[in-house]
């Protein structure tokens, strides 16, 4: 599965948590499509 993950100690209350945050990924197309569907604006940082 392709999933979003955050540090264990951070409280999480839904996908809106990622608003304004930076997300590292090797799958920017799938992630950007998901964020757009959810109306969340985040910075996608592409790394391999």
ModelCIF file with pLDDT and N, C-alpha, C, O atoms, coordinates in Angstrom:
data_MODEL
#
_entry.id   MODEL 
#
_entity.id                         1 
_entity.type                       polymer 
_entity.pdbx_number_of_molecules   1 
#
_entity_poly.entity_id                      1 
_entity_poly.type                           'polypeptide(L)' 
_entity_poly.nstd_linkage                   no 
_entity_poly.nstd_monomer                   no 
_entity_poly.pdbx_seq_one_letter_code       
;(UNK)(UNK)(UNK)(UNK)(UNK)(UNK)(UNK)(UNK)(UNK)(UNK)(UNK)(UNK)(UNK)(UNK)(UNK)(UNK)
(UNK)(UNK)(UNK)(UNK)(UNK)(UNK)(UNK)(UNK)(UNK)(UNK)(UNK)(UNK)(UNK)(UNK)(UNK)(UNK)
(UNK)(UNK)(UNK)(UNK)(UNK)(UNK)(UNK)(UNK)(UNK)(UNK)(UNK)(UNK)(UNK)(UNK)(UNK)(UNK)
;
_entity_poly.pdbx_seq_one_letter_code_can   XXXXXXXXXXXXXXXXXXXXXXXXXXXXXXXXXXXXXXXXXXXXXXXX 
_entity_poly.pdbx_strand_id                 A 
#
loop_
_entity_poly_seq.entity_id 
_entity_poly_seq.num 
_entity_poly_seq.mon_id 
_entity_poly_seq.hetero 
1 1  UNK n 
1 2  UNK n 
1 3  UNK n 
1 4  UNK n 
1 5  UNK n 
1 6  UNK n 
1 7  UNK n 
1 8  UNK n 
1 9  UNK n 
1 10 UNK n 
1 11 UNK n 
1 12 UNK n 
1 13 UNK n 
1 14 UNK n 
1 15 UNK n 
1 16 UNK n 
1 17 UNK n 
1 18 UNK n 
1 19 UNK n 
1 20 UNK n 
1 21 UNK n 
1 22 UNK n 
1 23 UNK n 
1 24 UNK n 
1 25 UNK n 
1 26 UNK n 
1 27 UNK n 
1 28 UNK n 
1 29 UNK n 
1 30 UNK n 
1 31 UNK n 
1 32 UNK n 
1 33 UNK n 
1 34 UNK n 
1 35 UNK n 
1 36 UNK n 
1 37 UNK n 
1 38 UNK n 
1 39 UNK n 
1 40 UNK n 
1 41 UNK n 
1 42 UNK n 
1 43 UNK n 
1 44 UNK n 
1 45 UNK n 
1 46 UNK n 
1 47 UNK n 
1 48 UNK n 
#
_struct_asym.id          A 
_struct_asym.entity_id   1 
#
loop_
_ma_qa_metric.id 
_ma_qa_metric.mode 
_ma_qa_metric.name 
_ma_qa_metric.software_group_id 
_ma_qa_metric.type 
1 global pLDDT . pLDDT 
2 local  pLDDT . pLDDT 
#
_ma_qa_metric_global.metric_id      1 
_ma_qa_metric_global.metric_value   97.29 
_ma_qa_metric_global.model_id       1 
_ma_qa_metric_global.ordinal_id     1 
#
loop_
_ma_qa_metric_local.label_asym_id 
_ma_qa_metric_local.label_comp_id 
_ma_qa_metric_local.label_seq_id 
_ma_qa_metric_local.metric_id 
_ma_qa_metric_local.metric_value 
_ma_qa_metric_local.model_id 
_ma_qa_metric_local.ordinal_id 
A UNK 1  2 97.00 1 1  
A UNK 2  2 98.00 1 2  
A UNK 3  2 98.00 1 3  
A UNK 4  2 98.00 1 4  
A UNK 5  2 98.00 1 5  
A UNK 6  2 98.00 1 6  
A UNK 7  2 98.00 1 7  
A UNK 8  2 96.00 1 8  
A UNK 9  2 93.00 1 9  
A UNK 10 2 96.00 1 10 
A UNK 11 2 97.00 1 11 
A UNK 12 2 97.00 1 12 
A UNK 13 2 95.00 1 13 
A UNK 14 2 97.00 1 14 
A UNK 15 2 98.00 1 15 
A UNK 16 2 97.00 1 16 
A UNK 17 2 98.00 1 17 
A UNK 18 2 98.00 1 18 
A UNK 19 2 98.00 1 19 
A UNK 20 2 98.00 1 20 
A UNK 21 2 98.00 1 21 
A UNK 22 2 98.00 1 22 
A UNK 23 2 98.00 1 23 
A UNK 24 2 98.00 1 24 
A UNK 25 2 98.00 1 25 
A UNK 26 2 97.00 1 26 
A UNK 27 2 97.00 1 27 
A UNK 28 2 98.00 1 28 
A UNK 29 2 98.00 1 29 
A UNK 30 2 98.00 1 30 
A UNK 31 2 98.00 1 31 
A UNK 32 2 98.00 1 32 
A UNK 33 2 98.00 1 33 
A UNK 34 2 98.00 1 34 
A UNK 35 2 98.00 1 35 
A UNK 36 2 98.00 1 36 
A UNK 37 2 97.00 1 37 
A UNK 38 2 98.00 1 38 
A UNK 39 2 98.00 1 39 
A UNK 40 2 98.00 1 40 
A UNK 41 2 98.00 1 41 
A UNK 42 2 98.00 1 42 
A UNK 43 2 98.00 1 43 
A UNK 44 2 98.00 1 44 
A UNK 45 2 97.00 1 45 
A UNK 46 2 97.00 1 46 
A UNK 47 2 95.00 1 47 
A UNK 48 2 89.00 1 48 
#
loop_
_atom_site.group_PDB 
_atom_site.id 
_atom_site.type_symbol 
_atom_site.label_atom_id 
_atom_site.label_alt_id 
_atom_site.label_comp_id 
_atom_site.label_asym_id 
_atom_site.label_entity_id 
_atom_site.label_seq_id 
_atom_site.pdbx_PDB_ins_code 
_atom_site.Cartn_x 
_atom_site.Cartn_y 
_atom_site.Cartn_z 
_atom_site.occupancy 
_atom_site.B_iso_or_equiv 
_atom_site.pdbx_formal_charge 
_atom_site.auth_seq_id 
_atom_site.auth_comp_id 
_atom_site.auth_asym_id 
_atom_site.auth_atom_id 
_atom_site.pdbx_PDB_model_num 
ATOM 1   N N  . UNK A 1 1  ? 0.851   -1.190 0.000  1.00 97.00 ? 1  UNK A N  1 
ATOM 2   C CA . UNK A 1 1  ? 0.000   0.000  0.000  1.00 97.00 ? 1  UNK A CA 1 
ATOM 3   C C  . UNK A 1 1  ? 0.885   1.237  0.000  1.00 97.00 ? 1  UNK A C  1 
ATOM 4   O O  . UNK A 1 1  ? 2.022   1.202  0.470  1.00 97.00 ? 1  UNK A O  1 
ATOM 5   N N  . UNK A 1 2  ? 0.355   2.321  -0.527 1.00 98.00 ? 2  UNK A N  1 
ATOM 6   C CA . UNK A 1 2  ? 1.042   3.606  -0.475 1.00 98.00 ? 2  UNK A CA 1 
ATOM 7   C C  . UNK A 1 2  ? 0.344   4.446  0.586  1.00 98.00 ? 2  UNK A C  1 
ATOM 8   O O  . UNK A 1 2  ? -0.858  4.702  0.512  1.00 98.00 ? 2  UNK A O  1 
ATOM 9   N N  . UNK A 1 3  ? 1.117   4.860  1.561  1.00 98.00 ? 3  UNK A N  1 
ATOM 10  C CA . UNK A 1 3  ? 0.521   5.513  2.726  1.00 98.00 ? 3  UNK A CA 1 
ATOM 11  C C  . UNK A 1 3  ? 1.283   6.764  3.132  1.00 98.00 ? 3  UNK A C  1 
ATOM 12  O O  . UNK A 1 3  ? 2.468   6.928  2.845  1.00 98.00 ? 3  UNK A O  1 
ATOM 13  N N  . UNK A 1 4  ? 0.551   7.639  3.812  1.00 98.00 ? 4  UNK A N  1 
ATOM 14  C CA . UNK A 1 4  ? 1.156   8.795  4.468  1.00 98.00 ? 4  UNK A CA 1 
ATOM 15  C C  . UNK A 1 4  ? 1.536   8.393  5.884  1.00 98.00 ? 4  UNK A C  1 
ATOM 16  O O  . UNK A 1 4  ? 0.794   7.676  6.556  1.00 98.00 ? 4  UNK A O  1 
ATOM 17  N N  . UNK A 1 5  ? 2.693   8.858  6.332  1.00 98.00 ? 5  UNK A N  1 
ATOM 18  C CA . UNK A 1 5  ? 3.153   8.556  7.684  1.00 98.00 ? 5  UNK A CA 1 
ATOM 19  C C  . UNK A 1 5  ? 3.794   9.798  8.285  1.00 98.00 ? 5  UNK A C  1 
ATOM 20  O O  . UNK A 1 5  ? 4.366   10.627 7.577  1.00 98.00 ? 5  UNK A O  1 
ATOM 21  N N  . UNK A 1 6  ? 3.687   9.911  9.601  1.00 98.00 ? 6  UNK A N  1 
ATOM 22  C CA . UNK A 1 6  ? 4.247   11.053 10.323 1.00 98.00 ? 6  UNK A CA 1 
ATOM 23  C C  . UNK A 1 6  ? 4.972   10.534 11.566 1.00 98.00 ? 6  UNK A C  1 
ATOM 24  O O  . UNK A 1 6  ? 4.803   9.369  11.926 1.00 98.00 ? 6  UNK A O  1 
ATOM 25  N N  . UNK A 1 7  ? 5.774   11.369 12.228 1.00 98.00 ? 7  UNK A N  1 
ATOM 26  C CA . UNK A 1 7  ? 6.452   10.944 13.457 1.00 98.00 ? 7  UNK A CA 1 
ATOM 27  C C  . UNK A 1 7  ? 5.455   10.451 14.508 1.00 98.00 ? 7  UNK A C  1 
ATOM 28  O O  . UNK A 1 7  ? 4.365   11.003 14.654 1.00 98.00 ? 7  UNK A O  1 
ATOM 29  N N  . UNK A 1 8  ? 5.844   9.415  15.226 1.00 96.00 ? 8  UNK A N  1 
ATOM 30  C CA . UNK A 1 8  ? 4.952   8.764  16.197 1.00 96.00 ? 8  UNK A CA 1 
ATOM 31  C C  . UNK A 1 8  ? 4.383   9.723  17.235 1.00 96.00 ? 8  UNK A C  1 
ATOM 32  O O  . UNK A 1 8  ? 3.210   9.622  17.596 1.00 96.00 ? 8  UNK A O  1 
ATOM 33  N N  . UNK A 1 9  ? 5.191   10.639 17.708 1.00 93.00 ? 9  UNK A N  1 
ATOM 34  C CA . UNK A 1 9  ? 4.753   11.503 18.793 1.00 93.00 ? 9  UNK A CA 1 
ATOM 35  C C  . UNK A 1 9  ? 3.789   12.600 18.391 1.00 93.00 ? 9  UNK A C  1 
ATOM 36  O O  . UNK A 1 9  ? 3.253   13.286 19.261 1.00 93.00 ? 9  UNK A O  1 
ATOM 37  N N  . UNK A 1 10 ? 3.552   12.790 17.111 1.00 96.00 ? 10 UNK A N  1 
ATOM 38  C CA . UNK A 1 10 ? 2.676   13.864 16.645 1.00 96.00 ? 10 UNK A CA 1 
ATOM 39  C C  . UNK A 1 10 ? 1.209   13.442 16.704 1.00 96.00 ? 10 UNK A C  1 
ATOM 40  O O  . UNK A 1 10 ? 0.860   12.353 16.248 1.00 96.00 ? 10 UNK A O  1 
ATOM 41  N N  . UNK A 1 11 ? 0.346   14.297 17.263 1.00 97.00 ? 11 UNK A N  1 
ATOM 42  C CA . UNK A 1 11 ? -1.097  13.993 17.226 1.00 97.00 ? 11 UNK A CA 1 
ATOM 43  C C  . UNK A 1 11 ? -1.619  14.157 15.805 1.00 97.00 ? 11 UNK A C  1 
ATOM 44  O O  . UNK A 1 11 ? -1.151  15.026 15.068 1.00 97.00 ? 11 UNK A O  1 
ATOM 45  N N  . UNK A 1 12 ? -2.584  13.329 15.416 1.00 97.00 ? 12 UNK A N  1 
ATOM 46  C CA . UNK A 1 12 ? -3.100  13.371 14.045 1.00 97.00 ? 12 UNK A CA 1 
ATOM 47  C C  . UNK A 1 12 ? -4.616  13.391 14.070 1.00 97.00 ? 12 UNK A C  1 
ATOM 48  O O  . UNK A 1 12 ? -5.242  12.559 14.726 1.00 97.00 ? 12 UNK A O  1 
ATOM 49  N N  . UNK A 1 13 ? -5.216  14.354 13.347 1.00 95.00 ? 13 UNK A N  1 
ATOM 50  C CA . UNK A 1 13 ? -6.676  14.499 13.371 1.00 95.00 ? 13 UNK A CA 1 
ATOM 51  C C  . UNK A 1 13 ? -7.289  14.476 11.975 1.00 95.00 ? 13 UNK A C  1 
ATOM 52  O O  . UNK A 1 13 ? -8.382  15.002 11.766 1.00 95.00 ? 13 UNK A O  1 
ATOM 53  N N  . UNK A 1 14 ? -6.594  13.873 11.028 1.00 97.00 ? 14 UNK A N  1 
ATOM 54  C CA . UNK A 1 14 ? -7.129  13.803 9.677  1.00 97.00 ? 14 UNK A CA 1 
ATOM 55  C C  . UNK A 1 14 ? -6.166  14.374 8.660  1.00 97.00 ? 14 UNK A C  1 
ATOM 56  O O  . UNK A 1 14 ? -5.134  14.946 9.011  1.00 97.00 ? 14 UNK A O  1 
ATOM 57  N N  . UNK A 1 15 ? -6.525  14.207 7.367  1.00 98.00 ? 15 UNK A N  1 
ATOM 58  C CA . UNK A 1 15 ? -5.610  14.578 6.295  1.00 98.00 ? 15 UNK A CA 1 
ATOM 59  C C  . UNK A 1 15 ? -5.316  16.073 6.274  1.00 98.00 ? 15 UNK A C  1 
ATOM 60  O O  . UNK A 1 15 ? -4.317  16.500 5.696  1.00 98.00 ? 15 UNK A O  1 
ATOM 61  N N  . UNK A 1 16 ? -6.179  16.870 6.899  1.00 97.00 ? 16 UNK A N  1 
ATOM 62  C CA . UNK A 1 16 ? -5.926  18.302 6.990  1.00 97.00 ? 16 UNK A CA 1 
ATOM 63  C C  . UNK A 1 16 ? -4.658  18.633 7.762  1.00 97.00 ? 16 UNK A C  1 
ATOM 64  O O  . UNK A 1 16 ? -4.143  19.748 7.667  1.00 97.00 ? 16 UNK A O  1 
ATOM 65  N N  . UNK A 1 17 ? -4.152  17.672 8.526  1.00 98.00 ? 17 UNK A N  1 
ATOM 66  C CA . UNK A 1 17 ? -2.908  17.859 9.278  1.00 98.00 ? 17 UNK A CA 1 
ATOM 67  C C  . UNK A 1 17 ? -1.762  18.254 8.352  1.00 98.00 ? 17 UNK A C  1 
ATOM 68  O O  . UNK A 1 17 ? -0.840  18.959 8.761  1.00 98.00 ? 17 UNK A O  1 
ATOM 69  N N  . UNK A 1 18 ? -1.827  17.791 7.091  1.00 98.00 ? 18 UNK A N  1 
ATOM 70  C CA . UNK A 1 18 ? -0.735  18.034 6.150  1.00 98.00 ? 18 UNK A CA 1 
ATOM 71  C C  . UNK A 1 18 ? -0.797  19.408 5.486  1.00 98.00 ? 18 UNK A C  1 
ATOM 72  O O  . UNK A 1 18 ? 0.100   19.755 4.718  1.00 98.00 ? 18 UNK A O  1 
ATOM 73  N N  . UNK A 1 19 ? -1.830  20.191 5.763  1.00 98.00 ? 19 UNK A N  1 
ATOM 74  C CA . UNK A 1 19 ? -1.945  21.534 5.191  1.00 98.00 ? 19 UNK A CA 1 
ATOM 75  C C  . UNK A 1 19 ? -0.704  22.362 5.544  1.00 98.00 ? 19 UNK A C  1 
ATOM 76  O O  . UNK A 1 19 ? -0.380  22.548 6.717  1.00 98.00 ? 19 UNK A O  1 
ATOM 77  N N  . UNK A 1 20 ? -0.018  22.852 4.504  1.00 98.00 ? 20 UNK A N  1 
ATOM 78  C CA . UNK A 1 20 ? 1.164   23.679 4.716  1.00 98.00 ? 20 UNK A CA 1 
ATOM 79  C C  . UNK A 1 20 ? 2.414   22.912 5.107  1.00 98.00 ? 20 UNK A C  1 
ATOM 80  O O  . UNK A 1 20 ? 3.471   23.513 5.298  1.00 98.00 ? 20 UNK A O  1 
ATOM 81  N N  . UNK A 1 21 ? 2.312   21.600 5.227  1.00 98.00 ? 21 UNK A N  1 
ATOM 82  C CA . UNK A 1 21 ? 3.463   20.789 5.629  1.00 98.00 ? 21 UNK A CA 1 
ATOM 83  C C  . UNK A 1 21 ? 4.265   20.323 4.404  1.00 98.00 ? 21 UNK A C  1 
ATOM 84  O O  . UNK A 1 21 ? 3.822   20.465 3.265  1.00 98.00 ? 21 UNK A O  1 
ATOM 85  N N  . UNK A 1 22 ? 5.439   19.771 4.664  1.00 98.00 ? 22 UNK A N  1 
ATOM 86  C CA . UNK A 1 22 ? 6.287   19.209 3.618  1.00 98.00 ? 22 UNK A CA 1 
ATOM 87  C C  . UNK A 1 22 ? 6.242   17.685 3.701  1.00 98.00 ? 22 UNK A C  1 
ATOM 88  O O  . UNK A 1 22 ? 6.427   17.102 4.769  1.00 98.00 ? 22 UNK A O  1 
ATOM 89  N N  . UNK A 1 23 ? 5.995   17.056 2.565  1.00 98.00 ? 23 UNK A N  1 
ATOM 90  C CA . UNK A 1 23 ? 5.900   15.595 2.507  1.00 98.00 ? 23 UNK A CA 1 
ATOM 91  C C  . UNK A 1 23 ? 6.959   15.071 1.546  1.00 98.00 ? 23 UNK A C  1 
ATOM 92  O O  . UNK A 1 23 ? 7.003   15.483 0.386  1.00 98.00 ? 23 UNK A O  1 
ATOM 93  N N  . UNK A 1 24 ? 7.804   14.173 2.014  1.00 98.00 ? 24 UNK A N  1 
ATOM 94  C CA . UNK A 1 24 ? 8.834   13.564 1.181  1.00 98.00 ? 24 UNK A CA 1 
ATOM 95  C C  . UNK A 1 24 ? 8.283   12.298 0.529  1.00 98.00 ? 24 UNK A C  1 
ATOM 96  O O  . UNK A 1 24 ? 7.606   11.502 1.179  1.00 98.00 ? 24 UNK A O  1 
ATOM 97  N N  . UNK A 1 25 ? 8.573   12.121 -0.748 1.00 98.00 ? 25 UNK A N  1 
ATOM 98  C CA . UNK A 1 25 ? 8.043   10.954 -1.454 1.00 98.00 ? 25 UNK A CA 1 
ATOM 99  C C  . UNK A 1 25 ? 8.810   10.661 -2.739 1.00 98.00 ? 25 UNK A C  1 
ATOM 100 O O  . UNK A 1 25 ? 9.492   11.530 -3.283 1.00 98.00 ? 25 UNK A O  1 
ATOM 101 N N  . UNK A 1 26 ? 8.689   9.433  -3.209 1.00 97.00 ? 26 UNK A N  1 
ATOM 102 C CA . UNK A 1 26 ? 9.168   9.059  -4.540 1.00 97.00 ? 26 UNK A CA 1 
ATOM 103 C C  . UNK A 1 26 ? 8.002   8.930  -5.512 1.00 97.00 ? 26 UNK A C  1 
ATOM 104 O O  . UNK A 1 26 ? 8.182   8.547  -6.668 1.00 97.00 ? 26 UNK A O  1 
ATOM 105 N N  . UNK A 1 27 ? 6.801   9.255  -5.027 1.00 97.00 ? 27 UNK A N  1 
ATOM 106 C CA . UNK A 1 27 ? 5.581   9.125  -5.841 1.00 97.00 ? 27 UNK A CA 1 
ATOM 107 C C  . UNK A 1 27 ? 4.805   10.443 -5.858 1.00 97.00 ? 27 UNK A C  1 
ATOM 108 O O  . UNK A 1 27 ? 3.700   10.519 -5.322 1.00 97.00 ? 27 UNK A O  1 
ATOM 109 N N  . UNK A 1 28 ? 5.380   11.478 -6.469 1.00 98.00 ? 28 UNK A N  1 
ATOM 110 C CA . UNK A 1 28 ? 4.748   12.801 -6.447 1.00 98.00 ? 28 UNK A CA 1 
ATOM 111 C C  . UNK A 1 28 ? 3.429   12.873 -7.217 1.00 98.00 ? 28 UNK A C  1 
ATOM 112 O O  . UNK A 1 28 ? 2.538   13.632 -6.834 1.00 98.00 ? 28 UNK A O  1 
ATOM 113 N N  . UNK A 1 29 ? 3.288   12.099 -8.292 1.00 98.00 ? 29 UNK A N  1 
ATOM 114 C CA . UNK A 1 29 ? 2.058   12.159 -9.092 1.00 98.00 ? 29 UNK A CA 1 
ATOM 115 C C  . UNK A 1 29 ? 0.871   11.632 -8.292 1.00 98.00 ? 29 UNK A C  1 
ATOM 116 O O  . UNK A 1 29 ? -0.167  12.290 -8.213 1.00 98.00 ? 29 UNK A O  1 
ATOM 117 N N  . UNK A 1 30 ? 1.019   10.461 -7.706 1.00 98.00 ? 30 UNK A N  1 
ATOM 118 C CA . UNK A 1 30 ? -0.076  9.860  -6.926 1.00 98.00 ? 30 UNK A CA 1 
ATOM 119 C C  . UNK A 1 30 ? -0.388  10.723 -5.717 1.00 98.00 ? 30 UNK A C  1 
ATOM 120 O O  . UNK A 1 30 ? -1.555  10.956 -5.402 1.00 98.00 ? 30 UNK A O  1 
ATOM 121 N N  . UNK A 1 31 ? 0.659   11.203 -5.032 1.00 98.00 ? 31 UNK A N  1 
ATOM 122 C CA . UNK A 1 31 ? 0.450   12.026 -3.843 1.00 98.00 ? 31 UNK A CA 1 
ATOM 123 C C  . UNK A 1 31 ? -0.237  13.340 -4.200 1.00 98.00 ? 31 UNK A C  1 
ATOM 124 O O  . UNK A 1 31 ? -1.188  13.734 -3.525 1.00 98.00 ? 31 UNK A O  1 
ATOM 125 N N  . UNK A 1 32 ? 0.224   14.026 -5.243 1.00 98.00 ? 32 UNK A N  1 
ATOM 126 C CA . UNK A 1 32 ? -0.364  15.315 -5.625 1.00 98.00 ? 32 UNK A CA 1 
ATOM 127 C C  . UNK A 1 32 ? -1.832  15.152 -6.004 1.00 98.00 ? 32 UNK A C  1 
ATOM 128 O O  . UNK A 1 32 ? -2.658  16.007 -5.685 1.00 98.00 ? 32 UNK A O  1 
ATOM 129 N N  . UNK A 1 33 ? -2.155  14.059 -6.683 1.00 98.00 ? 33 UNK A N  1 
ATOM 130 C CA . UNK A 1 33 ? -3.546  13.794 -7.055 1.00 98.00 ? 33 UNK A CA 1 
ATOM 131 C C  . UNK A 1 33 ? -4.407  13.594 -5.813 1.00 98.00 ? 33 UNK A C  1 
ATOM 132 O O  . UNK A 1 33 ? -5.527  14.101 -5.741 1.00 98.00 ? 33 UNK A O  1 
ATOM 133 N N  . UNK A 1 34 ? -3.892  12.867 -4.849 1.00 98.00 ? 34 UNK A N  1 
ATOM 134 C CA . UNK A 1 34 ? -4.634  12.628 -3.604 1.00 98.00 ? 34 UNK A CA 1 
ATOM 135 C C  . UNK A 1 34 ? -4.850  13.936 -2.838 1.00 98.00 ? 34 UNK A C  1 
ATOM 136 O O  . UNK A 1 34 ? -5.955  14.214 -2.374 1.00 98.00 ? 34 UNK A O  1 
ATOM 137 N N  . UNK A 1 35 ? -3.800  14.724 -2.711 1.00 98.00 ? 35 UNK A N  1 
ATOM 138 C CA . UNK A 1 35 ? -3.919  15.990 -1.974 1.00 98.00 ? 35 UNK A CA 1 
ATOM 139 C C  . UNK A 1 35 ? -4.922  16.926 -2.649 1.00 98.00 ? 35 UNK A C  1 
ATOM 140 O O  . UNK A 1 35 ? -5.688  17.614 -1.974 1.00 98.00 ? 35 UNK A O  1 
ATOM 141 N N  . UNK A 1 36 ? -4.912  16.946 -3.998 1.00 98.00 ? 36 UNK A N  1 
ATOM 142 C CA . UNK A 1 36 ? -5.850  17.798 -4.730 1.00 98.00 ? 36 UNK A CA 1 
ATOM 143 C C  . UNK A 1 36 ? -7.289  17.339 -4.490 1.00 98.00 ? 36 UNK A C  1 
ATOM 144 O O  . UNK A 1 36 ? -8.187  18.166 -4.333 1.00 98.00 ? 36 UNK A O  1 
ATOM 145 N N  . UNK A 1 37 ? -7.507  16.020 -4.463 1.00 97.00 ? 37 UNK A N  1 
ATOM 146 C CA . UNK A 1 37 ? -8.853  15.484 -4.208 1.00 97.00 ? 37 UNK A CA 1 
ATOM 147 C C  . UNK A 1 37 ? -9.343  15.868 -2.816 1.00 97.00 ? 37 UNK A C  1 
ATOM 148 O O  . UNK A 1 37 ? -10.536 16.088 -2.607 1.00 97.00 ? 37 UNK A O  1 
ATOM 149 N N  . UNK A 1 38 ? -8.409  15.945 -1.862 1.00 98.00 ? 38 UNK A N  1 
ATOM 150 C CA . UNK A 1 38 ? -8.771  16.272 -0.480 1.00 98.00 ? 38 UNK A CA 1 
ATOM 151 C C  . UNK A 1 38 ? -8.740  17.770 -0.199 1.00 98.00 ? 38 UNK A C  1 
ATOM 152 O O  . UNK A 1 38 ? -9.100  18.211 0.893  1.00 98.00 ? 38 UNK A O  1 
ATOM 153 N N  . UNK A 1 39 ? -8.307  18.551 -1.191 1.00 98.00 ? 39 UNK A N  1 
ATOM 154 C CA . UNK A 1 39 ? -8.253  20.001 -0.999 1.00 98.00 ? 39 UNK A CA 1 
ATOM 155 C C  . UNK A 1 39 ? -7.174  20.436 -0.031 1.00 98.00 ? 39 UNK A C  1 
ATOM 156 O O  . UNK A 1 39 ? -7.326  21.452 0.648  1.00 98.00 ? 39 UNK A O  1 
ATOM 157 N N  . UNK A 1 40 ? -6.089  19.688 0.045  1.00 98.00 ? 40 UNK A N  1 
ATOM 158 C CA . UNK A 1 40 ? -4.991  19.993 0.960  1.00 98.00 ? 40 UNK A CA 1 
ATOM 159 C C  . UNK A 1 40 ? -3.812  20.544 0.168  1.00 98.00 ? 40 UNK A C  1 
ATOM 160 O O  . UNK A 1 40 ? -3.387  19.946 -0.821 1.00 98.00 ? 40 UNK A O  1 
ATOM 161 N N  . UNK A 1 41 ? -3.291  21.673 0.598  1.00 98.00 ? 41 UNK A N  1 
ATOM 162 C CA . UNK A 1 41 ? -2.127  22.261 -0.043 1.00 98.00 ? 41 UNK A CA 1 
ATOM 163 C C  . UNK A 1 41 ? -0.893  21.974 0.810  1.00 98.00 ? 41 UNK A C  1 
ATOM 164 O O  . UNK A 1 41 ? -0.757  22.475 1.926  1.00 98.00 ? 41 UNK A O  1 
ATOM 165 N N  . UNK A 1 42 ? -0.009  21.165 0.263  1.00 98.00 ? 42 UNK A N  1 
ATOM 166 C CA . UNK A 1 42 ? 1.224   20.809 0.955  1.00 98.00 ? 42 UNK A CA 1 
ATOM 167 C C  . UNK A 1 42 ? 2.370   20.870 -0.036 1.00 98.00 ? 42 UNK A C  1 
ATOM 168 O O  . UNK A 1 42 ? 2.156   20.822 -1.247 1.00 98.00 ? 42 UNK A O  1 
ATOM 169 N N  . UNK A 1 43 ? 3.587   20.976 0.478  1.00 98.00 ? 43 UNK A N  1 
ATOM 170 C CA . UNK A 1 43 ? 4.770   20.976 -0.383 1.00 98.00 ? 43 UNK A CA 1 
ATOM 171 C C  . UNK A 1 43 ? 5.231   19.535 -0.563 1.00 98.00 ? 43 UNK A C  1 
ATOM 172 O O  . UNK A 1 43 ? 5.503   18.833 0.411  1.00 98.00 ? 43 UNK A O  1 
ATOM 173 N N  . UNK A 1 44 ? 5.315   19.104 -1.816 1.00 98.00 ? 44 UNK A N  1 
ATOM 174 C CA . UNK A 1 44 ? 5.754   17.741 -2.113 1.00 98.00 ? 44 UNK A CA 1 
ATOM 175 C C  . UNK A 1 44 ? 7.245   17.784 -2.444 1.00 98.00 ? 44 UNK A C  1 
ATOM 176 O O  . UNK A 1 44 ? 7.658   18.376 -3.441 1.00 98.00 ? 44 UNK A O  1 
ATOM 177 N N  . UNK A 1 45 ? 8.037   17.150 -1.592 1.00 97.00 ? 45 UNK A N  1 
ATOM 178 C CA . UNK A 1 45 ? 9.485   17.129 -1.784 1.00 97.00 ? 45 UNK A CA 1 
ATOM 179 C C  . UNK A 1 45 ? 9.874   15.763 -2.351 1.00 97.00 ? 45 UNK A C  1 
ATOM 180 O O  . UNK A 1 45 ? 9.752   14.744 -1.672 1.00 97.00 ? 45 UNK A O  1 
ATOM 181 N N  . UNK A 1 46 ? 10.337  15.751 -3.588 1.00 97.00 ? 46 UNK A N  1 
ATOM 182 C CA . UNK A 1 46 ? 10.643  14.495 -4.280 1.00 97.00 ? 46 UNK A CA 1 
ATOM 183 C C  . UNK A 1 46 ? 12.070  14.055 -3.973 1.00 97.00 ? 46 UNK A C  1 
ATOM 184 O O  . UNK A 1 46 ? 13.030  14.784 -4.222 1.00 97.00 ? 46 UNK A O  1 
ATOM 185 N N  . UNK A 1 47 ? 12.187  12.855 -3.429 1.00 95.00 ? 47 UNK A N  1 
ATOM 186 C CA . UNK A 1 47 ? 13.510  12.267 -3.205 1.00 95.00 ? 47 UNK A CA 1 
ATOM 187 C C  . UNK A 1 47 ? 13.464  10.805 -3.635 1.00 95.00 ? 47 UNK A C  1 
ATOM 188 O O  . UNK A 1 47 ? 12.393  10.200 -3.664 1.00 95.00 ? 47 UNK A O  1 
ATOM 189 N N  . UNK A 1 48 ? 14.596  10.247 -3.963 1.00 89.00 ? 48 UNK A N  1 
ATOM 190 C CA . UNK A 1 48 ? 14.713  8.838  -4.309 1.00 89.00 ? 48 UNK A CA 1 
ATOM 191 C C  . UNK A 1 48 ? 15.469  8.141  -3.179 1.00 89.00 ? 48 UNK A C  1 
ATOM 192 O O  . UNK A 1 48 ? 15.695  6.932  -3.241 1.00 89.00 ? 48 UNK A O  1 
#
